[in-house]
C-alpha atoms as a PDB file:
ATOM      1  CA  MET A   1     -26.621  -6.822   1.689  1.00  0.00           C
ATOM      2  CA  ARG A   2     -27.608  -3.766   0.176  1.00  0.00           C
ATOM      3  CA  HIS A   3     -28.993  -3.326  -3.381  1.00  0.00           C
ATOM      4  CA  GLY A   4     -26.802  -6.048  -3.606  1.00  0.00           C
ATOM      5  CA  VAL A   5     -23.409  -4.930  -2.775  1.00  0.00           C
ATOM      6  CA  LEU A   6     -21.663  -7.233  -0.147  1.00  0.00           C
ATOM      7  CA  GLU A   7     -21.416  -6.870   3.631  1.00  0.00           C
ATOM      8  CA  PRO A   8     -17.540  -5.230   4.454  1.00  0.00           C
ATOM      9  CA  ASN A   9     -17.077  -8.260   6.558  1.00  0.00           C
ATOM     10  CA  GLU A  10     -18.341 -10.800   2.924  1.00  0.00           C
ATOM     11  CA  LEU A  11     -15.782  -8.225   1.039  1.00  0.00           C
ATOM     12  CA  LEU A  12     -12.673  -9.018   3.201  1.00  0.00           C
ATOM     13  CA  ALA A  13     -13.556 -12.851   3.247  1.00  0.00           C
ATOM     14  CA  LEU A  14     -13.787 -12.759  -0.559  1.00  0.00           C
ATOM     15  CA  ALA A  15      -9.961 -10.490  -1.279  1.00  0.00           C
ATOM     16  CA  ARG A  16      -9.271 -13.053   1.192  1.00  0.00           C
ATOM     17  CA  ALA A  17      -9.772 -15.981  -0.254  1.00  0.00           C
ATOM     18  CA  TYR A  18      -9.016 -14.734  -3.786  1.00  0.00           C
ATOM     19  CA  LYS A  19      -5.788 -12.781  -2.434  1.00  0.00           C
ATOM     20  CA  ALA A  20      -7.292  -9.765  -4.076  1.00  0.00           C
ATOM     21  CA  ASP A  21      -6.726  -5.507  -2.429  1.00  0.00           C
ATOM     22  CA  PRO A  22      -9.809  -5.792  -0.133  1.00  0.00           C
ATOM     23  CA  ILE A  23      -9.036  -1.743   0.130  1.00  0.00           C
ATOM     24  CA  GLN A  24     -10.212  -2.155  -3.939  1.00  0.00           C
ATOM     25  CA  GLY A  25     -13.237  -4.006  -2.861  1.00  0.00           C
ATOM     26  CA  LEU A  26     -14.453  -1.694  -0.282  1.00  0.00           C
ATOM     27  CA  LEU A  27     -13.949   0.810  -2.685  1.00  0.00           C
ATOM     28  CA  ALA A  28     -15.379   0.378  -5.404  1.00  0.00           C
ATOM     29  CA  SER A  29     -18.988  -0.883  -3.585  1.00  0.00           C
ATOM     30  CA  GLY A  30     -18.848   2.344  -1.953  1.00  0.00           C
ATOM     31  CA  TRP A  31     -18.039   1.177   2.173  1.00  0.00           C
ATOM     32  CA  LEU A  32     -15.319   2.933   1.753  1.00  0.00           C
ATOM     33  CA  SER A  33     -14.308   6.875   0.047  1.00  0.00           C
ATOM     34  CA  MET A  34     -11.471   7.772  -1.383  1.00  0.00           C
ATOM     35  CA  GLU A  35     -12.261  11.025   1.173  1.00  0.00           C
ATOM     36  CA  ASP A  36     -11.715   7.981   3.827  1.00  0.00           C
ATOM     37  CA  LEU A  37      -8.603   7.146   2.837  1.00  0.00           C
ATOM     38  CA  LYS A  38      -7.149  11.303   2.481  1.00  0.00           C
ATOM     39  CA  ASN A  39      -8.433  11.830   6.522  1.00  0.00           C
ATOM     40  CA  GLY A  40      -4.958   9.642   7.705  1.00  0.00           C
ATOM     41  CA  GLY A  41      -6.376   6.495   6.272  1.00  0.00           C
ATOM     42  CA  MET A  42      -3.230   6.827   3.680  1.00  0.00           C
ATOM     43  CA  THR A  43      -1.606   7.852   5.556  1.00  0.00           C
ATOM     44  CA  TYR A  44      -1.451   4.546   7.700  1.00  0.00           C
ATOM     45  CA  ILE A  45      -1.194   2.355   4.963  1.00  0.00           C
ATOM     46  CA  ILE A  46       1.945   3.369   3.349  1.00  0.00           C
ATOM     47  CA  SER A  47       3.798   3.564   7.418  1.00  0.00           C
ATOM     48  CA  CYS A  48       2.205  -0.323   6.938  1.00  0.00           C
ATOM     49  CA  ALA A  49       3.616  -1.330   3.628  1.00  0.00           C
ATOM     50  CA  PRO A  50       7.079  -2.697   2.934  1.00  0.00           C
ATOM     51  CA  THR A  51      10.670  -0.492   1.822  1.00  0.00           C
ATOM     52  CA  ARG A  52      10.843  -2.348  -1.853  1.00  0.00           C
ATOM     53  CA  MET A  53       7.373  -1.732  -2.364  1.00  0.00           C
ATOM     54  CA  LEU A  54       7.669   1.746  -1.839  1.00  0.00           C
ATOM     55  CA  VAL A  55      10.169   1.949  -3.899  1.00  0.00           C
ATOM     56  CA  ASN A  56       9.350  -0.033  -6.988  1.00  0.00           C
ATOM     57  CA  GLU A  57       6.072   1.678  -6.390  1.00  0.00           C
ATOM     58  CA  LEU A  58       7.749   5.773  -6.254  1.00  0.00           C
ATOM     59  CA  TYR A  59      10.204   3.910  -9.854  1.00  0.00           C
ATOM     60  CA  LYS A  60       6.999   3.324 -11.562  1.00  0.00           C
ATOM     61  CA  ARG A  61       5.786   7.203 -10.914  1.00  0.00           C
ATOM     62  CA  LEU A  62       9.068   8.631 -11.915  1.00  0.00           C
ATOM     63  CA  GLY A  63       9.137   6.369 -15.480  1.00  0.00           C
ATOM     64  CA  GLY A  64      10.793   3.369 -14.225  1.00  0.00           C
ATOM     65  CA  GLN A  65       9.074   0.023 -16.275  1.00  0.00           C
END
């Protein structure tokens, strides 16, 4: 642990245990940056997302409820 920040494997284990988003944990802890996601990580994540999830997110962003 560095200065009160959990190691990445510990963050991932906690995220899995609490059914939380591991990416958010890695971003919040500083182990991952938005720049990391922009450099190809986001494309990979989007490619893995189910179509229904993508459509629902687009609907919300375009002003749907």
